[in-house]
Amino acid sequence: MPSRSKRFALVAAGVIALCGLGAVGSGFSIDADADSPTLATQPDSGDATEVSTSQDLAAPFGGNCSEECETSLALLSDSDREGLIDLPARVQRTLAAIGPLKADGGTKVAAEVARHLADPGLVSAAALPGAEETLAAPVTAEGREVDCTLRWFGFLDEPVRTVGTHRCRIGVGADGAMTIEKLTGERFLVHLAPLNDRFSAYLGRSFLPDQSERDYDLKSPVNVGNGNFGNVSGLATVSGGQILLVGGAELGMSPPDDTFFSVLTLSGR
């Protein structure tokens, strides 16, 4: 098993932490049986290893990236930008690697929404009965506090882990951009930037309550004295009345794992 940092060893032992912040193609189905919810992968003609190699970094998100989108991507470091563009493929790799997954209803929805980030032609995605599952970029929202749940997919030898439910604040920054802040446990503050009509980018920083570094910083991407916290980025979307932040960054994890992603789900809209 790959070695992990001390922080992730502690998490494996039960300490809740926030990580910066499979099924390929149409071979994905949801079993909505409440007694035994299951995410099931079915045979697909594609090879999961081809997902990342087919990702064209010169044409982000299948070419669905306007000048405004390119401007937002330019805010990121080179490595973060490439990671953000590759994130939909990372989700596919992870779900392919972990295979059929027993999970609760919220986890099923989180995995389904994350998987559909890679589907540029998506009109709607079937999920729990009665849930609206069209994907839309978060643009505006009333400032308020909500419950938020963090889930890790592909962590160590666990297919999925519900890390914990916390409190988050939805707000508006000084620049008018929508912000999301995790208020309990390990902290997290991000600003949203437009990409396309299906999802936005989020960029910001993770930190401990006593750390002064709170903003995305190209010159200082890692917090002083603690390499487990620093710049974070990912994709944000609205689905079924919830805002979901999907990320792949693994600050503090060594060696890097390309079959891991996280989803932070914010209750309500």
C-alpha atoms as a PDB file:
ATOM      1  CA  MET A   1       0.000   0.000   0.000  1.00  0.00           C
ATOM      2  CA  PRO A   2       1.430   3.460  -0.816  1.00  0.00           C
ATOM      3  CA  SER A   3       2.850   5.384   2.094  1.00  0.00           C
ATOM      4  CA  ARG A   4       0.855   8.380   3.304  1.00  0.00           C
ATOM      5  CA  SER A   5       1.717  11.487   5.295  1.00  0.00           C
ATOM      6  CA  LYS A   6       1.231  11.655   9.057  1.00  0.00           C
ATOM      7  CA  ARG A   7      -1.938  13.694   8.559  1.00  0.00           C
ATOM      8  CA  PHE A   8      -3.576  11.036   6.436  1.00  0.00           C
ATOM      9  CA  ALA A   9      -2.508   8.334   8.842  1.00  0.00           C
ATOM     10  CA  LEU A  10      -4.324  10.267  11.563  1.00  0.00           C
ATOM     11  CA  VAL A  11      -7.390  10.596   9.382  1.00  0.00           C
ATOM     12  CA  ALA A  12      -7.386   6.873   8.772  1.00  0.00           C
ATOM     13  CA  ALA A  13      -7.446   6.494  12.547  1.00  0.00           C
ATOM     14  CA  GLY A  14     -10.543   8.630  12.812  1.00  0.00           C
ATOM     15  CA  VAL A  15      -9.464  12.317  12.824  1.00  0.00           C
ATOM     16  CA  ILE A  16     -11.765  14.350  10.555  1.00  0.00           C
ATOM     17  CA  ALA A  17      -9.860  16.390   7.973  1.00  0.00           C
ATOM     18  CA  LEU A  18     -10.623  18.288   4.795  1.00  0.00           C
ATOM     19  CA  CYS A  19      -8.836  17.170   1.691  1.00  0.00           C
ATOM     20  CA  GLY A  20      -8.369  19.885  -0.986  1.00  0.00           C
ATOM     21  CA  LEU A  21     -11.077  19.232  -1.740  1.00  0.00           C
ATOM     22  CA  GLY A  22     -15.061   3.327 -12.196  1.00  0.00           C
ATOM     23  CA  ALA A  23     -17.794   4.150 -14.326  1.00  0.00           C
ATOM     24  CA  VAL A  24     -16.834   5.334 -17.772  1.00  0.00           C
ATOM     25  CA  GLY A  25     -19.211   6.580 -20.429  1.00  0.00           C
ATOM     26  CA  SER A  26     -22.775   5.335 -20.241  1.00  0.00           C
ATOM     27  CA  GLY A  27     -21.997   2.122 -18.334  1.00  0.00           C
ATOM     28  CA  PHE A  28     -23.214   3.517 -15.010  1.00  0.00           C
ATOM     29  CA  SER A  29     -26.427   2.709 -13.219  1.00  0.00           C
ATOM     30  CA  ILE A  30     -28.049   3.553  -9.899  1.00  0.00           C
ATOM     31  CA  ASP A  31     -29.963   1.113  -7.773  1.00  0.00           C
ATOM     32  CA  ALA A  32     -32.399   3.308  -5.838  1.00  0.00           C
ATOM     33  CA  ASP A  33     -33.418   0.587  -3.391  1.00  0.00           C
ATOM     34  CA  ALA A  34     -33.362   2.396  -0.046  1.00  0.00           C
ATOM     35  CA  ASP A  35     -32.537  -0.813   1.822  1.00  0.00           C
ATOM     36  CA  SER A  36     -29.364  -1.440  -0.122  1.00  0.00           C
ATOM     37  CA  PRO A  37     -28.345   1.565  -2.230  1.00  0.00           C
ATOM     38  CA  THR A  38     -25.702   0.638  -4.748  1.00  0.00           C
ATOM     39  CA  LEU A  39     -23.569   2.378  -7.322  1.00  0.00           C
ATOM     40  CA  ALA A  40     -22.967  -0.246  -9.964  1.00  0.00           C
ATOM     41  CA  THR A  41     -20.612  -0.168 -12.903  1.00  0.00           C
ATOM     42  CA  GLN A  42     -21.449  -2.180 -15.977  1.00  0.00           C
ATOM     43  CA  PRO A  43     -19.148  -3.376 -18.785  1.00  0.00           C
ATOM     44  CA  ASP A  44     -18.043  -0.606 -21.087  1.00  0.00           C
ATOM     45  CA  SER A  45     -16.041  -0.787 -24.260  1.00  0.00           C
ATOM     46  CA  GLY A  46     -13.701   2.006 -23.185  1.00  0.00           C
ATOM     47  CA  ASP A  47     -10.505   1.618 -21.220  1.00  0.00           C
ATOM     48  CA  ALA A  48     -10.384   3.735 -18.073  1.00  0.00           C
ATOM     49  CA  THR A  49      -6.709   4.440 -18.681  1.00  0.00           C
ATOM     50  CA  GLU A  50      -7.609   6.176 -21.932  1.00  0.00           C
ATOM     51  CA  VAL A  51      -9.716   8.817 -20.199  1.00  0.00           C
ATOM     52  CA  SER A  52      -6.844  11.005 -19.068  1.00  0.00           C
ATOM     53  CA  THR A  53      -4.815  10.580 -22.260  1.00  0.00           C
ATOM     54  CA  SER A  54      -7.791  11.664 -24.354  1.00  0.00           C
ATOM     55  CA  GLN A  55      -8.165  14.872 -22.327  1.00  0.00           C
ATOM     56  CA  ASP A  56      -7.006  17.724 -24.545  1.00  0.00           C
ATOM     57  CA  LEU A  57      -5.500  20.410 -22.326  1.00  0.00           C
ATOM     58  CA  ALA A  58      -5.555  22.834 -25.259  1.00  0.00           C
ATOM     59  CA  ALA A  59      -9.352  22.502 -25.484  1.00  0.00           C
ATOM     60  CA  PRO A  60     -10.619  22.495 -21.895  1.00  0.00           C
ATOM     61  CA  PHE A  61     -13.866  20.683 -21.083  1.00  0.00           C
ATOM     62  CA  GLY A  62     -14.373  19.270 -24.545  1.00  0.00           C
ATOM     63  CA  GLY A  63     -13.928  22.669 -26.159  1.00  0.00           C
ATOM     64  CA  ASN A  64     -16.729  24.145 -24.051  1.00  0.00           C
ATOM     65  CA  CYS A  65     -14.561  26.938 -22.648  1.00  0.00           C
ATOM     66  CA  SER A  66     -15.226  30.540 -23.694  1.00  0.00           C
ATOM     67  CA  GLU A  67     -12.918  33.540 -23.333  1.00  0.00           C
ATOM     68  CA  GLU A  68     -14.405  34.102 -19.865  1.00  0.00           C
ATOM     69  CA  CYS A  69     -13.569  30.495 -19.012  1.00  0.00           C
ATOM     70  CA  GLU A  70      -9.996  30.904 -20.230  1.00  0.00           C
ATOM     71  CA  THR A  71      -9.682  34.060 -18.107  1.00  0.00           C
ATOM     72  CA  SER A  72     -10.767  32.098 -15.018  1.00  0.00           C
ATOM     73  CA  LEU A  73      -8.332  29.269 -15.751  1.00  0.00           C
ATOM     74  CA  ALA A  74      -5.524  31.823 -16.048  1.00  0.00           C
ATOM     75  CA  LEU A  75      -5.969  32.640 -12.348  1.00  0.00           C
ATOM     76  CA  LEU A  76      -4.555  29.208 -11.451  1.00  0.00           C
ATOM     77  CA  SER A  77      -1.005  27.914 -11.356  1.00  0.00           C
ATOM     78  CA  ASP A  78      -0.018  25.685 -14.261  1.00  0.00           C
ATOM     79  CA  SER A  79      -0.310  22.507 -12.196  1.00  0.00           C
ATOM     80  CA  ASP A  80      -3.649  23.509 -10.660  1.00  0.00           C
ATOM     81  CA  ARG A  81      -5.028  24.479 -14.079  1.00  0.00           C
ATOM     82  CA  GLU A  82      -4.045  21.142 -15.595  1.00  0.00           C
ATOM     83  CA  GLY A  83      -5.474  19.342 -12.565  1.00  0.00           C
ATOM     84  CA  LEU A  84      -8.753  21.229 -12.892  1.00  0.00           C
ATOM     85  CA  ILE A  85      -9.088  20.398 -16.580  1.00  0.00           C
ATOM     86  CA  ASP A  86      -8.272  16.757 -15.829  1.00  0.00           C
ATOM     87  CA  LEU A  87     -10.669  16.550 -12.863  1.00  0.00           C
ATOM     88  CA  PRO A  88     -13.646  15.045 -14.778  1.00  0.00           C
ATOM     89  CA  ALA A  89     -11.284  12.332 -16.073  1.00  0.00           C
ATOM     90  CA  ARG A  90      -9.885  11.802 -12.557  1.00  0.00           C
ATOM     91  CA  VAL A  91     -13.429  11.160 -11.329  1.00  0.00           C
ATOM     92  CA  GLN A  92     -13.921   8.569 -14.072  1.00  0.00           C
ATOM     93  CA  ARG A  93     -10.617   6.851 -13.246  1.00  0.00           C
ATOM     94  CA  THR A  94     -11.497   6.711  -9.567  1.00  0.00           C
ATOM     95  CA  LEU A  95     -14.985   5.291 -10.060  1.00  0.00           C
ATOM     96  CA  ALA A  96     -13.566   2.713 -12.469  1.00  0.00           C
ATOM     97  CA  ALA A  97     -10.911   1.731  -9.923  1.00  0.00           C
ATOM     98  CA  ILE A  98     -13.238   1.352  -6.933  1.00  0.00           C
ATOM     99  CA  GLY A  99     -15.931  -0.533  -8.860  1.00  0.00           C
ATOM    100  CA  PRO A 100     -19.429  -1.323  -7.507  1.00  0.00           C
ATOM    101  CA  LEU A 101     -20.061   0.743  -4.425  1.00  0.00           C
ATOM    102  CA  LYS A 102     -22.479   0.288  -1.523  1.00  0.00           C
ATOM    103  CA  ALA A 103     -23.450   3.739  -0.360  1.00  0.00           C
ATOM    104  CA  ASP A 104     -26.116   5.906   1.211  1.00  0.00           C
ATOM    105  CA  GLY A 105     -28.388   8.090  -0.893  1.00  0.00           C
ATOM    106  CA  GLY A 106     -26.325  11.256  -0.465  1.00  0.00           C
ATOM    107  CA  THR A 107     -23.160   9.452  -1.521  1.00  0.00           C
ATOM    108  CA  LYS A 108     -24.917   8.023  -4.575  1.00  0.00           C
ATOM    109  CA  VAL A 109     -25.943  11.490  -5.687  1.00  0.00           C
ATOM    110  CA  ALA A 110     -22.464  12.940  -5.042  1.00  0.00           C
ATOM    111  CA  ALA A 111     -20.823  10.221  -7.160  1.00  0.00           C
ATOM    112  CA  GLU A 112     -23.412  10.549  -9.935  1.00  0.00           C
ATOM    113  CA  VAL A 113     -23.080  14.319 -10.179  1.00  0.00           C
ATOM    114  CA  ALA A 114     -19.265  14.132 -10.150  1.00  0.00           C
ATOM    115  CA  ARG A 115     -19.312  11.508 -12.895  1.00  0.00           C
ATOM    116  CA  HIS A 116     -21.467  13.692 -15.133  1.00  0.00           C
ATOM    117  CA  LEU A 117     -18.957  16.528 -15.061  1.00  0.00           C
ATOM    118  CA  ALA A 118     -17.256  14.601 -17.868  1.00  0.00           C
ATOM    119  CA  ASP A 119     -20.401  14.523 -20.033  1.00  0.00           C
ATOM    120  CA  PRO A 120     -20.482  17.726 -22.147  1.00  0.00           C
ATOM    121  CA  GLY A 121     -23.766  16.715 -23.770  1.00  0.00           C
ATOM    122  CA  LEU A 122     -25.620  16.200 -20.498  1.00  0.00           C
ATOM    123  CA  VAL A 123     -29.181  17.478 -20.411  1.00  0.00           C
ATOM    124  CA  SER A 124     -30.223  15.691 -17.243  1.00  0.00           C
ATOM    125  CA  ALA A 125     -28.918  12.848 -15.114  1.00  0.00           C
ATOM    126  CA  ALA A 126     -31.200  10.282 -13.498  1.00  0.00           C
ATOM    127  CA  ALA A 127     -30.699  10.043  -9.759  1.00  0.00           C
ATOM    128  CA  LEU A 128     -32.952   9.666  -6.770  1.00  0.00           C
ATOM    129  CA  PRO A 129     -36.679   9.661  -7.614  1.00  0.00           C
ATOM    130  CA  GLY A 130     -38.065  13.178  -7.838  1.00  0.00           C
ATOM    131  CA  ALA A 131     -34.676  14.887  -7.720  1.00  0.00           C
ATOM    132  CA  GLU A 132     -33.852  17.414 -10.389  1.00  0.00           C
ATOM    133  CA  GLU A 133     -30.432  16.458 -11.682  1.00  0.00           C
ATOM    134  CA  THR A 134     -29.608  18.969 -14.389  1.00  0.00           C
ATOM    135  CA  LEU A 135     -26.187  20.487 -13.816  1.00  0.00           C
ATOM    136  CA  ALA A 136     -25.846  24.278 -13.688  1.00  0.00           C
ATOM    137  CA  ALA A 137     -23.010  26.577 -12.730  1.00  0.00           C
ATOM    138  CA  PRO A 138     -23.479  28.272  -9.344  1.00  0.00           C
ATOM    139  CA  VAL A 139     -23.806  31.979 -10.089  1.00  0.00           C
ATOM    140  CA  THR A 140     -25.666  33.679  -7.272  1.00  0.00           C
ATOM    141  CA  ALA A 141     -27.150  32.546  -3.977  1.00  0.00           C
ATOM    142  CA  GLU A 142     -28.477  34.120  -0.811  1.00  0.00           C
ATOM    143  CA  GLY A 143     -25.840  34.492   1.861  1.00  0.00           C
ATOM    144  CA  ARG A 144     -26.496  32.006   4.639  1.00  0.00           C
ATOM    145  CA  GLU A 145     -25.084  29.134   6.684  1.00  0.00           C
ATOM    146  CA  VAL A 146     -25.903  25.541   5.750  1.00  0.00           C
ATOM    147  CA  ASP A 147     -24.901  21.998   6.635  1.00  0.00           C
ATOM    148  CA  CYS A 148     -22.201  20.606   4.356  1.00  0.00           C
ATOM    149  CA  THR A 149     -20.965  17.023   4.051  1.00  0.00           C
ATOM    150  CA  LEU A 150     -17.507  15.981   2.892  1.00  0.00           C
ATOM    151  CA  ARG A 151     -16.961  12.642   1.146  1.00  0.00           C
ATOM    152  CA  TRP A 152     -13.753  11.047  -0.122  1.00  0.00           C
ATOM    153  CA  PHE A 153     -13.771   8.568  -2.999  1.00  0.00           C
ATOM    154  CA  GLY A 154     -10.817   6.212  -3.436  1.00  0.00           C
ATOM    155  CA  PHE A 155      -9.065   7.046  -0.155  1.00  0.00           C
ATOM    156  CA  LEU A 156      -6.444   4.396   0.744  1.00  0.00           C
ATOM    157  CA  ASP A 157      -8.234   1.024   0.466  1.00  0.00           C
ATOM    158  CA  GLU A 158     -11.700   2.494   1.088  1.00  0.00           C
ATOM    159  CA  PRO A 159     -14.037   2.950  -1.901  1.00  0.00           C
ATOM    160  CA  VAL A 160     -15.754   5.874  -0.164  1.00  0.00           C
ATOM    161  CA  ARG A 161     -15.625   7.593   3.211  1.00  0.00           C
ATOM    162  CA  THR A 162     -18.092  10.118   4.587  1.00  0.00           C
ATOM    163  CA  VAL A 163     -15.617  12.282   6.452  1.00  0.00           C
ATOM    164  CA  GLY A 164     -18.158  14.341   8.327  1.00  0.00           C
ATOM    165  CA  THR A 165     -20.958  16.898   8.298  1.00  0.00           C
ATOM    166  CA  HIS A 166     -19.995  20.466   9.129  1.00  0.00           C
ATOM    167  CA  ARG A 167     -21.241  24.026   8.746  1.00  0.00           C
ATOM    168  CA  CYS A 168     -20.508  26.104   5.679  1.00  0.00           C
ATOM    169  CA  ARG A 169     -21.310  29.693   4.733  1.00  0.00           C
ATOM    170  CA  ILE A 170     -22.392  30.822   1.268  1.00  0.00           C
ATOM    171  CA  GLY A 171     -21.598  34.471   0.664  1.00  0.00           C
ATOM    172  CA  VAL A 172     -20.335  37.137  -1.709  1.00  0.00           C
ATOM    173  CA  GLY A 173     -16.751  38.395  -1.753  1.00  0.00           C
ATOM    174  CA  ALA A 174     -15.554  41.973  -2.106  1.00  0.00           C
ATOM    175  CA  ASP A 175     -15.138  41.380  -5.843  1.00  0.00           C
ATOM    176  CA  GLY A 176     -18.776  40.290  -6.159  1.00  0.00           C
ATOM    177  CA  ALA A 177     -17.848  36.629  -6.671  1.00  0.00           C
ATOM    178  CA  MET A 178     -19.758  33.914  -4.855  1.00  0.00           C
ATOM    179  CA  THR A 179     -17.797  32.475  -1.911  1.00  0.00           C
ATOM    180  CA  ILE A 180     -18.061  29.265   0.082  1.00  0.00           C
ATOM    181  CA  GLU A 181     -16.434  28.904   3.491  1.00  0.00           C
ATOM    182  CA  LYS A 182     -16.191  25.832   5.688  1.00  0.00           C
ATOM    183  CA  LEU A 183     -16.686  27.103   9.238  1.00  0.00           C
ATOM    184  CA  THR A 184     -16.054  24.029  11.395  1.00  0.00           C
ATOM    185  CA  GLY A 185     -13.240  21.498  11.612  1.00  0.00           C
ATOM    186  CA  GLU A 186     -10.381  22.248   9.261  1.00  0.00           C
ATOM    187  CA  ARG A 187     -11.247  25.445   7.414  1.00  0.00           C
ATOM    188  CA  PHE A 188     -11.715  26.164   3.749  1.00  0.00           C
ATOM    189  CA  LEU A 189     -12.481  29.414   1.873  1.00  0.00           C
ATOM    190  CA  VAL A 190     -12.962  29.566  -1.894  1.00  0.00           C
ATOM    191  CA  HIS A 191     -14.190  32.022  -4.527  1.00  0.00           C
ATOM    192  CA  LEU A 192     -16.107  30.851  -7.590  1.00  0.00           C
ATOM    193  CA  ALA A 193     -15.052  31.867 -11.108  1.00  0.00           C
ATOM    194  CA  PRO A 194     -17.102  31.277 -14.302  1.00  0.00           C
ATOM    195  CA  LEU A 195     -16.209  28.448 -16.686  1.00  0.00           C
ATOM    196  CA  ASN A 196     -19.354  27.457 -18.603  1.00  0.00           C
ATOM    197  CA  ASP A 197     -23.091  27.002 -18.069  1.00  0.00           C
ATOM    198  CA  ARG A 198     -22.625  23.628 -16.308  1.00  0.00           C
ATOM    199  CA  PHE A 199     -19.951  24.334 -13.722  1.00  0.00           C
ATOM    200  CA  SER A 200     -17.695  27.013 -12.249  1.00  0.00           C
ATOM    201  CA  ALA A 201     -14.157  26.818 -10.987  1.00  0.00           C
ATOM    202  CA  TYR A 202     -13.478  27.299  -7.306  1.00  0.00           C
ATOM    203  CA  LEU A 203     -10.127  28.485  -6.006  1.00  0.00           C
ATOM    204  CA  GLY A 204      -8.992  29.401  -2.567  1.00  0.00           C
ATOM    205  CA  ARG A 205      -7.229  27.914   0.407  1.00  0.00           C
ATOM    206  CA  SER A 206      -7.510  25.385   3.203  1.00  0.00           C
ATOM    207  CA  PHE A 207      -6.208  26.335   6.630  1.00  0.00           C
ATOM    208  CA  LEU A 208      -6.416  25.782  10.371  1.00  0.00           C
ATOM    209  CA  PRO A 209      -8.268  28.350  12.515  1.00  0.00           C
ATOM    210  CA  ASP A 210      -5.018  29.893  13.765  1.00  0.00           C
ATOM    211  CA  GLN A 211      -3.380  30.187  10.338  1.00  0.00           C
ATOM    212  CA  SER A 212      -3.351  33.602   8.657  1.00  0.00           C
ATOM    213  CA  GLU A 213      -3.063  32.325   5.064  1.00  0.00           C
ATOM    214  CA  ARG A 214      -6.613  32.503   3.707  1.00  0.00           C
ATOM    215  CA  ASP A 215      -6.296  33.356  -0.016  1.00  0.00           C
ATOM    216  CA  TYR A 216      -5.167  31.544  -3.155  1.00  0.00           C
ATOM    217  CA  ASP A 217      -1.532  32.583  -3.633  1.00  0.00           C
ATOM    218  CA  LEU A 218       0.545  31.740  -6.699  1.00  0.00           C
ATOM    219  CA  LYS A 219       3.779  32.655  -4.928  1.00  0.00           C
ATOM    220  CA  SER A 220       3.085  30.779  -1.676  1.00  0.00           C
ATOM    221  CA  PRO A 221       0.885  27.771  -2.491  1.00  0.00           C
ATOM    222  CA  VAL A 222       1.535  25.933   0.809  1.00  0.00           C
ATOM    223  CA  ASN A 223       0.871  27.290   4.301  1.00  0.00           C
ATOM    224  CA  VAL A 224       3.981  28.110   6.322  1.00  0.00           C
ATOM    225  CA  GLY A 225       4.856  25.344   8.745  1.00  0.00           C
ATOM    226  CA  ASN A 226       2.202  22.885   7.575  1.00  0.00           C
ATOM    227  CA  GLY A 227       2.264  21.386   4.086  1.00  0.00           C
ATOM    228  CA  ASN A 228      -1.147  19.781   4.565  1.00  0.00           C
ATOM    229  CA  PHE A 229      -2.858  23.132   3.944  1.00  0.00           C
ATOM    230  CA  GLY A 230      -2.675  25.668   1.147  1.00  0.00           C
ATOM    231  CA  ASN A 231      -4.078  26.424  -2.297  1.00  0.00           C
ATOM    232  CA  VAL A 232      -7.107  24.391  -3.369  1.00  0.00           C
ATOM    233  CA  SER A 233      -9.135  24.354  -6.574  1.00  0.00           C
ATOM    234  CA  GLY A 234     -11.850  22.310  -8.232  1.00  0.00           C
ATOM    235  CA  LEU A 235     -15.211  22.379  -9.973  1.00  0.00           C
ATOM    236  CA  ALA A 236     -18.519  23.598  -8.525  1.00  0.00           C
ATOM    237  CA  THR A 237     -21.989  22.776  -9.829  1.00  0.00           C
ATOM    238  CA  VAL A 238     -25.629  22.928  -8.733  1.00  0.00           C
ATOM    239  CA  SER A 239     -27.696  19.756  -8.958  1.00  0.00           C
ATOM    240  CA  GLY A 240     -30.944  18.776  -7.297  1.00  0.00           C
ATOM    241  CA  GLY A 241     -31.021  22.040  -5.329  1.00  0.00           C
ATOM    242  CA  GLN A 242     -27.556  21.424  -3.822  1.00  0.00           C
ATOM    243  CA  ILE A 243     -24.177  22.992  -4.486  1.00  0.00           C
ATOM    244  CA  LEU A 244     -21.402  20.437  -4.888  1.00  0.00           C
ATOM    245  CA  LEU A 245     -17.662  21.151  -4.875  1.00  0.00           C
ATOM    246  CA  VAL A 246     -15.632  18.405  -6.564  1.00  0.00           C
ATOM    247  CA  GLY A 247     -11.891  18.411  -5.988  1.00  0.00           C
ATOM    248  CA  GLY A 248      -8.885  16.210  -6.577  1.00  0.00           C
ATOM    249  CA  ALA A 249      -6.075  17.988  -4.724  1.00  0.00           C
ATOM    250  CA  GLU A 250      -4.345  15.871  -2.098  1.00  0.00           C
ATOM    251  CA  LEU A 251      -2.265  18.173   0.061  1.00  0.00           C
ATOM    252  CA  GLY A 252      -0.281  16.050   2.471  1.00  0.00           C
ATOM    253  CA  MET A 253      -0.708  12.780   0.554  1.00  0.00           C
ATOM    254  CA  SER A 254       2.451  11.114  -0.655  1.00  0.00           C
ATOM    255  CA  PRO A 255       2.862   9.693  -3.197  1.00  0.00           C
ATOM    256  CA  PRO A 256       0.099  11.414  -5.212  1.00  0.00           C
ATOM    257  CA  ASP A 257      -2.888   9.217  -6.068  1.00  0.00           C
ATOM    258  CA  ASP A 258      -4.637   9.826  -9.390  1.00  0.00           C
ATOM    259  CA  THR A 259      -7.621   7.672  -8.384  1.00  0.00           C
ATOM    260  CA  PHE A 260      -8.971   9.894  -5.637  1.00  0.00           C
ATOM    261  CA  PHE A 261     -11.460  12.773  -5.519  1.00  0.00           C
ATOM    262  CA  SER A 262     -13.547  14.571  -2.918  1.00  0.00           C
ATOM    263  CA  VAL A 263     -17.066  16.023  -2.932  1.00  0.00           C
ATOM    264  CA  LEU A 264     -18.313  18.677  -0.521  1.00  0.00           C
ATOM    265  CA  THR A 265     -22.115  18.863  -0.703  1.00  0.00           C
ATOM    266  CA  LEU A 266     -23.905  21.947   0.608  1.00  0.00           C
ATOM    267  CA  SER A 267     -27.503  21.412   1.705  1.00  0.00           C
ATOM    268  CA  GLY A 268     -30.148  23.589   0.060  1.00  0.00           C
ATOM    269  CA  ARG A 269     -29.391  25.996  -2.735  1.00  0.00           C
END
